[in-house]
Each structure stands twice: as C-alpha cells, then as structure tokens.
Amino acid sequence: MTQENRIRVGIGGWTFEPWRSNFYPGGLAHHRELEYASRQLSAIEVNGTYYSSQKPASFRKWFDETPEDFMFSLKAIRYATNRRVLAEAGDSVSRFIESGIAELRHKLGPIVWQFAPTKRFEPADFEAFLKLLPGSIDGLPLRHVLDVRHESFKSAAYLALARKYRCATVFTDSDDYPSFADLTGDFLYARLMRTEPTHAAGVEPRVLDALALCATRWRDGGEPDGLPRIEPVAARAAPRDVFLYFISGAKEKAPAAAMALLQRLG
C-alpha cells in the first residue's frame, strides 16, 4: 500500500503531561493516548527512537493502534549521528534500520537523521555517511531526511550532495537553527518551532493560513515565496508528499496548532 501526494500534519511523540489537560479527554488511560492522538492528526514524529532502541513488538503495537492511513516519522538513533567521524557509523545505522522498523509497514514515514548543532559540514565524511543509508529494508522503501544544525550546511555543496543521494533536508522554522527551505529530496519535511502560549491554537490565524498555502504549493510541485533559501527557486516539479510537524516552541500548544492546520487543509 502506498500513500501518494499527501499533506500530513502532526506533533512530536504522544506522551506529554500538559496534553492530558488540553488535548486528551479527561480520564483517558495513558496506554490509549496514541490511539486517540492518531485519530486527531495524520502523522507523529517519534523522538524516543533517537534516545534508545525499540523492540519489533513496539513497532507492531504502534501499527495496530493507529488508523490505516496514519504515518510515523522516526528519529534515527543518536549514536549514528553524534560522532566525530560519520563514516564510522555503519554499525549504528544497521542496528537502527534492522531494529524492527519494518513492522510499521506502509505506516513508516521518513527517517530523520538529526545532527548536533556543533557538527560542521565536512563533504567527504558526510558523503561517506550518506552512502551508509539503505534504500529499503525487507522490501520496504526507505525515505531519509537530514536535520542539519550548523551554519556550514548552508552551502551549494551540501545541497548537491543531499540531492545526489536523494535525501530530503529538514526545513526548520526557528531562529535557533539554520533555516533554509531548499528542496533536496522528492518530499518536503518541516519542523515548526514557533508555537506560542498566548494563542489558542499556538499560532496566529494568519500564520496558519500561510502554512496551509505553503503546504499546498509544496504538495502540488511548486515552492512558496518568501522562505529563506540558499539557491534560487527550482523549476516546478512533480507533486510530492509533505510532512509538517509542530515541534518545540510552546509544546503544550502543538496538538491545537496541528489540528487547526489540518482543518484549514480540509
């Protein structure tokens, strides 16, 4: 089963104490929070896989508890990316890919490889790392997205390398990390970090309207105006999948922001 040209909107994880008073129904058992969240949103980015390995049974459980058209993005284990020499990450990459993620089947979304803010772009070593990323596991195609957090990645050389290996790049909407919307893969992945506690939906209505317009243009093969970029906007491309996650900022507002954006997208 495949999911073609969808805009998916979600949050990071599903276990967060403040959500039990402003998102989850009162009295909902904690073990049912994923079941509930997955029916209000269309995707979730799993952060726990960054910190520790999960068992195949956990991925099967997530699959069973969520709707047929739901998707999970997984943050790859930190031991693969938080190292001085990325070329030596082969064992960590393999252990993560073979940890049971294929149990998610068609609900497996992009795999996020997040690098430390101190990790500079070193072309040869970074290319050696990209060569380690497999295209599939157990016949399941894999999509990789790179969350690069050092200013040195804002270069044409990085963009060319990511495109060579068909890896997307996270568009981080934040003042704390490099923010550029140049497309390097065949899907768009954005982490939105500007929710504020003063707004009912975490962001102003005009911001939600702008995000909906951006998401639609990305999905339809275009690119929105006014976003930070390294290179000029490319020619119109084929329709693409779009993943938007409300992460960080006023995290307690993330579900409200995601649901408000989904409402605008219909």
C-alpha atoms as a PDB file:
ATOM      1  CA  MET A   1       0.000   0.000   0.000  1.00  0.00           C
ATOM      2  CA  THR A   2       1.289   3.498  -0.813  1.00  0.00           C
ATOM      3  CA  GLN A   3       0.204   6.980   0.217  1.00  0.00           C
ATOM      4  CA  GLU A   4       0.568   9.402  -2.690  1.00  0.00           C
ATOM      5  CA  ASN A   5       0.970  13.161  -2.520  1.00  0.00           C
ATOM      6  CA  ARG A   6      -0.458  13.773   0.898  1.00  0.00           C
ATOM      7  CA  ILE A   7      -0.025  16.647   3.303  1.00  0.00           C
ATOM      8  CA  ARG A   8       0.496  15.181   6.756  1.00  0.00           C
ATOM      9  CA  VAL A   9       0.439  17.253   9.908  1.00  0.00           C
ATOM     10  CA  GLY A  10       1.421  16.089  13.355  1.00  0.00           C
ATOM     11  CA  ILE A  11       3.383  16.533  16.553  1.00  0.00           C
ATOM     12  CA  GLY A  12       6.441  15.078  18.237  1.00  0.00           C
ATOM     13  CA  GLY A  13       5.536  11.994  20.254  1.00  0.00           C
ATOM     14  CA  TRP A  14       2.272  11.428  22.089  1.00  0.00           C
ATOM     15  CA  THR A  15       3.315  11.368  25.759  1.00  0.00           C
ATOM     16  CA  PHE A  16       3.476  14.841  27.305  1.00  0.00           C
ATOM     17  CA  GLU A  17       1.923  15.675  30.653  1.00  0.00           C
ATOM     18  CA  PRO A  18       0.326  19.053  29.692  1.00  0.00           C
ATOM     19  CA  TRP A  19      -1.550  17.388  26.814  1.00  0.00           C
ATOM     20  CA  ARG A  20      -3.520  15.411  29.396  1.00  0.00           C
ATOM     21  CA  SER A  21      -5.322  18.596  30.360  1.00  0.00           C
ATOM     22  CA  ASN A  22      -5.686  20.353  26.983  1.00  0.00           C
ATOM     23  CA  PHE A  23      -5.694  17.628  24.299  1.00  0.00           C
ATOM     24  CA  TYR A  24      -6.569  14.208  25.661  1.00  0.00           C
ATOM     25  CA  PRO A  25     -10.053  13.616  27.094  1.00  0.00           C
ATOM     26  CA  GLY A  26     -10.222  13.609  30.873  1.00  0.00           C
ATOM     27  CA  GLY A  27      -9.679  10.184  32.344  1.00  0.00           C
ATOM     28  CA  LEU A  28      -8.184   8.691  29.182  1.00  0.00           C
ATOM     29  CA  ALA A  29      -5.882   5.818  30.092  1.00  0.00           C
ATOM     30  CA  HIS A  30      -2.276   6.606  29.249  1.00  0.00           C
ATOM     31  CA  HIS A  31      -1.929   3.463  27.161  1.00  0.00           C
ATOM     32  CA  ARG A  32      -4.672   4.784  24.849  1.00  0.00           C
ATOM     33  CA  GLU A  33      -3.025   8.135  24.102  1.00  0.00           C
ATOM     34  CA  LEU A  34      -1.507   7.004  20.795  1.00  0.00           C
ATOM     35  CA  GLU A  35      -4.850   5.560  19.751  1.00  0.00           C
ATOM     36  CA  TYR A  36      -6.517   8.916  20.415  1.00  0.00           C
ATOM     37  CA  ALA A  37      -3.791  11.182  19.004  1.00  0.00           C
ATOM     38  CA  SER A  38      -3.568   9.214  15.767  1.00  0.00           C
ATOM     39  CA  ARG A  39      -7.249   9.884  15.117  1.00  0.00           C
ATOM     40  CA  GLN A  40      -6.904  13.656  15.515  1.00  0.00           C
ATOM     41  CA  LEU A  41      -3.681  14.007  13.495  1.00  0.00           C
ATOM     42  CA  SER A  42      -2.264  12.364  10.372  1.00  0.00           C
ATOM     43  CA  ALA A  43       1.319  11.705  11.496  1.00  0.00           C
ATOM     44  CA  ILE A  44       3.594  11.643  14.526  1.00  0.00           C
ATOM     45  CA  GLU A  45       7.355  12.099  14.729  1.00  0.00           C
ATOM     46  CA  VAL A  46       8.755   9.611  17.244  1.00  0.00           C
ATOM     47  CA  ASN A  47      11.518  11.089  19.380  1.00  0.00           C
ATOM     48  CA  GLY A  48      12.091   8.060  21.627  1.00  0.00           C
ATOM     49  CA  THR A  49      13.851   6.171  18.837  1.00  0.00           C
ATOM     50  CA  TYR A  50      16.589   8.824  18.943  1.00  0.00           C
ATOM     51  CA  TYR A  51      17.485   8.026  22.543  1.00  0.00           C
ATOM     52  CA  SER A  52      17.130   4.250  22.709  1.00  0.00           C
ATOM     53  CA  SER A  53      16.395   1.208  20.589  1.00  0.00           C
ATOM     54  CA  GLN A  54      12.832  -0.081  20.372  1.00  0.00           C
ATOM     55  CA  LYS A  55      11.785  -3.685  20.059  1.00  0.00           C
ATOM     56  CA  PRO A  56       9.951  -5.051  16.994  1.00  0.00           C
ATOM     57  CA  ALA A  57       6.949  -5.670  19.247  1.00  0.00           C
ATOM     58  CA  SER A  58       6.717  -1.927  19.959  1.00  0.00           C
ATOM     59  CA  PHE A  59       6.578  -1.065  16.263  1.00  0.00           C
ATOM     60  CA  ARG A  60       3.914  -3.753  15.737  1.00  0.00           C
ATOM     61  CA  LYS A  61       1.891  -2.313  18.614  1.00  0.00           C
ATOM     62  CA  TRP A  62       2.074   1.190  17.141  1.00  0.00           C
ATOM     63  CA  PHE A  63       0.947  -0.194  13.806  1.00  0.00           C
ATOM     64  CA  ASP A  64      -2.022  -1.974  15.368  1.00  0.00           C
ATOM     65  CA  GLU A  65      -3.189   1.025  17.421  1.00  0.00           C
ATOM     66  CA  THR A  66      -3.333   3.566  14.582  1.00  0.00           C
ATOM     67  CA  PRO A  67      -5.591   4.113  11.543  1.00  0.00           C
ATOM     68  CA  GLU A  68      -4.762   2.517   8.223  1.00  0.00           C
ATOM     69  CA  ASP A  69      -3.595   5.766   6.611  1.00  0.00           C
ATOM     70  CA  PHE A  70      -1.566   7.058   9.576  1.00  0.00           C
ATOM     71  CA  MET A  71       2.216   7.524   9.378  1.00  0.00           C
ATOM     72  CA  PHE A  72       5.158   7.636  11.767  1.00  0.00           C
ATOM     73  CA  SER A  73       8.383   9.528  11.168  1.00  0.00           C
ATOM     74  CA  LEU A  74      11.230   8.056  13.195  1.00  0.00           C
ATOM     75  CA  LYS A  75      14.230   9.928  14.533  1.00  0.00           C
ATOM     76  CA  ALA A  76      17.179   7.618  13.984  1.00  0.00           C
ATOM     77  CA  ILE A  77      19.297   6.590  16.941  1.00  0.00           C
ATOM     78  CA  ARG A  78      21.678   9.332  18.120  1.00  0.00           C
ATOM     79  CA  TYR A  79      24.697   7.004  18.133  1.00  0.00           C
ATOM     80  CA  ALA A  80      24.662   7.108  14.325  1.00  0.00           C
ATOM     81  CA  THR A  81      24.896  10.886  14.033  1.00  0.00           C
ATOM     82  CA  ASN A  82      26.502  12.216  17.207  1.00  0.00           C
ATOM     83  CA  ARG A  83      30.045  11.184  16.413  1.00  0.00           C
ATOM     84  CA  ARG A  84      33.228  12.848  15.215  1.00  0.00           C
ATOM     85  CA  VAL A  85      33.688  10.595  12.152  1.00  0.00           C
ATOM     86  CA  LEU A  86      30.383   9.900  10.430  1.00  0.00           C
ATOM     87  CA  ALA A  87      31.983   7.383   8.079  1.00  0.00           C
ATOM     88  CA  GLU A  88      32.312   5.059  11.082  1.00  0.00           C
ATOM     89  CA  ALA A  89      28.567   4.982  11.770  1.00  0.00           C
ATOM     90  CA  GLY A  90      27.840   1.846   9.737  1.00  0.00           C
ATOM     91  CA  ASP A  91      27.129  -0.477  12.672  1.00  0.00           C
ATOM     92  CA  SER A  92      24.841   2.042  14.373  1.00  0.00           C
ATOM     93  CA  VAL A  93      22.958   2.723  11.144  1.00  0.00           C
ATOM     94  CA  SER A  94      22.469  -1.001  10.534  1.00  0.00           C
ATOM     95  CA  ARG A  95      21.316  -1.728  14.084  1.00  0.00           C
ATOM     96  CA  PHE A  96      18.708   1.003  13.857  1.00  0.00           C
ATOM     97  CA  ILE A  97      17.408   0.001  10.422  1.00  0.00           C
ATOM     98  CA  GLU A  98      17.261  -3.652  11.478  1.00  0.00           C
ATOM     99  CA  SER A  99      15.693  -2.981  14.880  1.00  0.00           C
ATOM    100  CA  GLY A 100      12.176  -3.760  13.659  1.00  0.00           C
ATOM    101  CA  ILE A 101      11.093  -0.548  11.936  1.00  0.00           C
ATOM    102  CA  ALA A 102       9.793  -2.616   9.010  1.00  0.00           C
ATOM    103  CA  GLU A 103       6.994  -3.758  11.352  1.00  0.00           C
ATOM    104  CA  LEU A 104       5.394  -0.363  10.657  1.00  0.00           C
ATOM    105  CA  ARG A 105       4.967  -1.426   7.011  1.00  0.00           C
ATOM    106  CA  HIS A 106       3.168   1.252   4.975  1.00  0.00           C
ATOM    107  CA  LYS A 107       2.855   3.459   8.068  1.00  0.00           C
ATOM    108  CA  LEU A 108       6.605   4.067   8.086  1.00  0.00           C
ATOM    109  CA  GLY A 109       7.303   7.636   7.059  1.00  0.00           C
ATOM    110  CA  PRO A 110      10.661   9.376   6.671  1.00  0.00           C
ATOM    111  CA  ILE A 111      13.615   8.533   8.894  1.00  0.00           C
ATOM    112  CA  VAL A 112      15.134  11.674  10.421  1.00  0.00           C
ATOM    113  CA  TRP A 113      18.912  11.756  10.873  1.00  0.00           C
ATOM    114  CA  GLN A 114      19.489  14.627  13.307  1.00  0.00           C
ATOM    115  CA  PHE A 115      22.971  16.083  13.687  1.00  0.00           C
ATOM    116  CA  ALA A 116      24.324  18.077  16.611  1.00  0.00           C
ATOM    117  CA  PRO A 117      24.447  21.890  16.311  1.00  0.00           C
ATOM    118  CA  THR A 118      28.232  21.617  16.629  1.00  0.00           C
ATOM    119  CA  LYS A 119      28.569  19.199  13.684  1.00  0.00           C
ATOM    120  CA  ARG A 120      30.128  21.038  10.750  1.00  0.00           C
ATOM    121  CA  PHE A 121      29.696  20.087   7.109  1.00  0.00           C
ATOM    122  CA  GLU A 122      32.733  18.092   6.009  1.00  0.00           C
ATOM    123  CA  PRO A 123      31.912  16.982   2.442  1.00  0.00           C
ATOM    124  CA  ALA A 124      33.945  13.763   2.242  1.00  0.00           C
ATOM    125  CA  ASP A 125      32.912  12.442   5.637  1.00  0.00           C
ATOM    126  CA  PHE A 126      29.275  13.458   5.135  1.00  0.00           C
ATOM    127  CA  GLU A 127      29.143  11.697   1.788  1.00  0.00           C
ATOM    128  CA  ALA A 128      30.617   8.588   3.405  1.00  0.00           C
ATOM    129  CA  PHE A 129      27.713   8.703   5.866  1.00  0.00           C
ATOM    130  CA  LEU A 130      25.081   9.130   3.150  1.00  0.00           C
ATOM    131  CA  LYS A 131      26.454   6.039   1.416  1.00  0.00           C
ATOM    132  CA  LEU A 132      25.584   4.059   4.558  1.00  0.00           C
ATOM    133  CA  LEU A 133      21.860   4.814   4.343  1.00  0.00           C
ATOM    134  CA  PRO A 134      19.973   1.894   2.769  1.00  0.00           C
ATOM    135  CA  GLY A 135      17.234   2.348   0.194  1.00  0.00           C
ATOM    136  CA  SER A 136      14.998  -0.355   1.654  1.00  0.00           C
ATOM    137  CA  ILE A 137      14.537  -2.886   4.432  1.00  0.00           C
ATOM    138  CA  ASP A 138      12.727  -6.183   3.879  1.00  0.00           C
ATOM    139  CA  GLY A 139      11.400  -4.866   0.586  1.00  0.00           C
ATOM    140  CA  LEU A 140      10.044  -1.687   2.215  1.00  0.00           C
ATOM    141  CA  PRO A 141      11.339   1.522   0.565  1.00  0.00           C
ATOM    142  CA  LEU A 142      13.009   3.939   2.958  1.00  0.00           C
ATOM    143  CA  ARG A 143      12.955   7.733   2.822  1.00  0.00           C
ATOM    144  CA  HIS A 144      15.704   9.655   4.566  1.00  0.00           C
ATOM    145  CA  VAL A 145      15.666  13.261   5.753  1.00  0.00           C
ATOM    146  CA  LEU A 146      18.650  15.154   7.157  1.00  0.00           C
ATOM    147  CA  ASP A 147      18.259  17.521  10.101  1.00  0.00           C
ATOM    148  CA  VAL A 148      21.458  19.579   9.838  1.00  0.00           C
ATOM    149  CA  ARG A 149      22.005  22.203  12.521  1.00  0.00           C
ATOM    150  CA  HIS A 150      25.268  24.014  11.761  1.00  0.00           C
ATOM    151  CA  GLU A 151      25.572  27.110   9.573  1.00  0.00           C
ATOM    152  CA  SER A 152      28.236  25.408   7.441  1.00  0.00           C
ATOM    153  CA  PHE A 153      25.493  23.300   5.828  1.00  0.00           C
ATOM    154  CA  LYS A 154      24.041  26.415   4.206  1.00  0.00           C
ATOM    155  CA  SER A 155      26.039  25.826   1.046  1.00  0.00           C
ATOM    156  CA  ALA A 156      25.528  24.749  -2.529  1.00  0.00           C
ATOM    157  CA  ALA A 157      27.957  21.880  -1.927  1.00  0.00           C
ATOM    158  CA  TYR A 158      25.727  20.426   0.787  1.00  0.00           C
ATOM    159  CA  LEU A 159      22.603  20.787  -1.354  1.00  0.00           C
ATOM    160  CA  ALA A 160      24.274  18.999  -4.265  1.00  0.00           C
ATOM    161  CA  LEU A 161      25.400  16.145  -2.037  1.00  0.00           C
ATOM    162  CA  ALA A 162      21.968  15.644  -0.447  1.00  0.00           C
ATOM    163  CA  ARG A 163      20.364  15.655  -3.905  1.00  0.00           C
ATOM    164  CA  LYS A 164      22.901  13.147  -5.203  1.00  0.00           C
ATOM    165  CA  TYR A 165      21.753  10.678  -2.540  1.00  0.00           C
ATOM    166  CA  ARG A 166      18.067  11.640  -2.796  1.00  0.00           C
ATOM    167  CA  CYS A 167      17.873  12.708   0.838  1.00  0.00           C
ATOM    168  CA  ALA A 168      15.466  15.443   1.875  1.00  0.00           C
ATOM    169  CA  THR A 169      16.543  18.226   4.208  1.00  0.00           C
ATOM    170  CA  VAL A 170      14.504  19.389   7.185  1.00  0.00           C
ATOM    171  CA  PHE A 171      13.142  22.903   6.813  1.00  0.00           C
ATOM    172  CA  THR A 172      13.424  24.154  10.392  1.00  0.00           C
ATOM    173  CA  ASP A 173      11.189  27.138  11.086  1.00  0.00           C
ATOM    174  CA  SER A 174      13.187  28.535  14.002  1.00  0.00           C
ATOM    175  CA  ASP A 175      15.676  31.240  14.901  1.00  0.00           C
ATOM    176  CA  ASP A 176      17.758  28.759  16.891  1.00  0.00           C
ATOM    177  CA  TYR A 177      18.963  26.591  13.991  1.00  0.00           C
ATOM    178  CA  PRO A 178      19.856  27.166  10.331  1.00  0.00           C
ATOM    179  CA  SER A 179      16.620  27.685   8.440  1.00  0.00           C
ATOM    180  CA  PHE A 180      16.535  27.102   4.696  1.00  0.00           C
ATOM    181  CA  ALA A 181      13.784  25.673   2.515  1.00  0.00           C
ATOM    182  CA  ASP A 182      15.853  24.408  -0.435  1.00  0.00           C
ATOM    183  CA  LEU A 183      14.462  21.063  -1.560  1.00  0.00           C
ATOM    184  CA  THR A 184      16.923  18.190  -1.828  1.00  0.00           C
ATOM    185  CA  GLY A 185      14.569  15.191  -1.969  1.00  0.00           C
ATOM    186  CA  ASP A 186      11.246  14.269  -3.520  1.00  0.00           C
ATOM    187  CA  PHE A 187       9.242  15.132  -0.404  1.00  0.00           C
ATOM    188  CA  LEU A 188       9.085  18.106   1.969  1.00  0.00           C
ATOM    189  CA  TYR A 189       9.752  17.796   5.706  1.00  0.00           C
ATOM    190  CA  ALA A 190       9.258  20.768   8.027  1.00  0.00           C
ATOM    191  CA  ARG A 191       9.699  21.086  11.784  1.00  0.00           C
ATOM    192  CA  LEU A 192       7.773  24.120  13.017  1.00  0.00           C
ATOM    193  CA  MET A 193       9.069  25.613  16.271  1.00  0.00           C
ATOM    194  CA  ARG A 194       7.237  28.900  16.735  1.00  0.00           C
ATOM    195  CA  THR A 195       4.125  27.996  18.738  1.00  0.00           C
ATOM    196  CA  GLU A 196       3.347  30.500  21.493  1.00  0.00           C
ATOM    197  CA  PRO A 197       1.305  30.056  24.687  1.00  0.00           C
ATOM    198  CA  THR A 198      -0.686  33.263  24.110  1.00  0.00           C
ATOM    199  CA  HIS A 199      -2.619  31.918  21.104  1.00  0.00           C
ATOM    200  CA  ALA A 200      -5.445  29.413  21.432  1.00  0.00           C
ATOM    201  CA  ALA A 201      -4.080  27.384  18.510  1.00  0.00           C
ATOM    202  CA  GLY A 202      -0.439  28.104  19.300  1.00  0.00           C
ATOM    203  CA  VAL A 203      -0.018  30.459  16.332  1.00  0.00           C
ATOM    204  CA  GLU A 204      -1.982  33.355  14.861  1.00  0.00           C
ATOM    205  CA  PRO A 205      -4.715  32.583  12.299  1.00  0.00           C
ATOM    206  CA  ARG A 206      -2.761  34.410   9.569  1.00  0.00           C
ATOM    207  CA  VAL A 207       0.231  32.143  10.212  1.00  0.00           C
ATOM    208  CA  LEU A 208      -1.968  29.058   9.891  1.00  0.00           C
ATOM    209  CA  ASP A 209      -3.333  30.431   6.608  1.00  0.00           C
ATOM    210  CA  ALA A 210       0.209  30.951   5.312  1.00  0.00           C
ATOM    211  CA  LEU A 211       1.265  27.456   6.387  1.00  0.00           C
ATOM    212  CA  ALA A 212      -1.711  25.933   4.606  1.00  0.00           C
ATOM    213  CA  LEU A 213      -0.775  27.798   1.426  1.00  0.00           C
ATOM    214  CA  CYS A 214       2.866  26.688   1.718  1.00  0.00           C
ATOM    215  CA  ALA A 215       1.869  23.068   2.265  1.00  0.00           C
ATOM    216  CA  THR A 216      -0.451  23.066  -0.730  1.00  0.00           C
ATOM    217  CA  ARG A 217       2.170  24.584  -3.036  1.00  0.00           C
ATOM    218  CA  TRP A 218       4.783  22.086  -1.892  1.00  0.00           C
ATOM    219  CA  ARG A 219       2.380  19.191  -2.437  1.00  0.00           C
ATOM    220  CA  ASP A 220       1.452  20.388  -5.914  1.00  0.00           C
ATOM    221  CA  GLY A 221       5.090  20.581  -7.032  1.00  0.00           C
ATOM    222  CA  GLY A 222       5.687  24.285  -6.508  1.00  0.00           C
ATOM    223  CA  GLU A 223       7.556  26.247  -3.880  1.00  0.00           C
ATOM    224  CA  PRO A 224       6.222  29.029  -1.632  1.00  0.00           C
ATOM    225  CA  ASP A 225       7.504  32.575  -1.883  1.00  0.00           C
ATOM    226  CA  GLY A 226       9.293  34.376   0.912  1.00  0.00           C
ATOM    227  CA  LEU A 227      11.121  31.480   2.567  1.00  0.00           C
ATOM    228  CA  PRO A 228      14.874  31.520   3.318  1.00  0.00           C
ATOM    229  CA  ARG A 229      16.895  29.710   0.659  1.00  0.00           C
ATOM    230  CA  ILE A 230      20.488  29.150  -0.388  1.00  0.00           C
ATOM    231  CA  GLU A 231      19.754  28.868  -4.110  1.00  0.00           C
ATOM    232  CA  PRO A 232      17.025  30.322  -6.356  1.00  0.00           C
ATOM    233  CA  VAL A 233      13.710  28.509  -6.520  1.00  0.00           C
ATOM    234  CA  ALA A 234      13.908  25.493  -8.792  1.00  0.00           C
ATOM    235  CA  ALA A 235      11.577  24.806 -11.687  1.00  0.00           C
ATOM    236  CA  ARG A 236       8.199  23.319 -10.891  1.00  0.00           C
ATOM    237  CA  ALA A 237       8.475  19.621 -10.016  1.00  0.00           C
ATOM    238  CA  ALA A 238       6.192  16.624  -9.729  1.00  0.00           C
ATOM    239  CA  PRO A 239       3.678  16.541  -6.872  1.00  0.00           C
ATOM    240  CA  ARG A 240       5.216  15.478  -3.601  1.00  0.00           C
ATOM    241  CA  ASP A 241       4.388  14.311  -0.087  1.00  0.00           C
ATOM    242  CA  VAL A 242       4.560  16.929   2.658  1.00  0.00           C
ATOM    243  CA  PHE A 243       5.226  16.313   6.352  1.00  0.00           C
ATOM    244  CA  LEU A 244       4.698  19.185   8.797  1.00  0.00           C
ATOM    245  CA  TYR A 245       5.374  18.725  12.500  1.00  0.00           C
ATOM    246  CA  PHE A 246       4.779  21.215  15.286  1.00  0.00           C
ATOM    247  CA  ILE A 247       7.829  20.676  17.472  1.00  0.00           C
ATOM    248  CA  SER A 248       9.221  22.634  20.410  1.00  0.00           C
ATOM    249  CA  GLY A 249       8.169  26.244  20.992  1.00  0.00           C
ATOM    250  CA  ALA A 250       5.175  26.187  23.335  1.00  0.00           C
ATOM    251  CA  LYS A 251       4.914  22.410  23.116  1.00  0.00           C
ATOM    252  CA  GLU A 252       1.672  22.331  25.081  1.00  0.00           C
ATOM    253  CA  LYS A 253       0.043  24.039  22.085  1.00  0.00           C
ATOM    254  CA  ALA A 254       1.387  21.651  19.419  1.00  0.00           C
ATOM    255  CA  PRO A 255      -1.753  19.470  19.099  1.00  0.00           C
ATOM    256  CA  ALA A 256      -4.005  22.533  18.821  1.00  0.00           C
ATOM    257  CA  ALA A 257      -1.793  24.021  16.117  1.00  0.00           C
ATOM    258  CA  ALA A 258      -1.681  20.761  14.164  1.00  0.00           C
ATOM    259  CA  MET A 259      -5.442  20.265  14.322  1.00  0.00           C
ATOM    260  CA  ALA A 260      -6.092  23.876  13.302  1.00  0.00           C
ATOM    261  CA  LEU A 261      -3.818  23.479  10.277  1.00  0.00           C
ATOM    262  CA  LEU A 262      -5.479  20.196   9.303  1.00  0.00           C
ATOM    263  CA  GLN A 263      -8.841  21.943   9.471  1.00  0.00           C
ATOM    264  CA  ARG A 264      -7.636  24.605   7.042  1.00  0.00           C
ATOM    265  CA  LEU A 265      -6.325  21.941   4.709  1.00  0.00           C
ATOM    266  CA  GLY A 266      -9.685  20.218   4.714  1.00  0.00           C
END
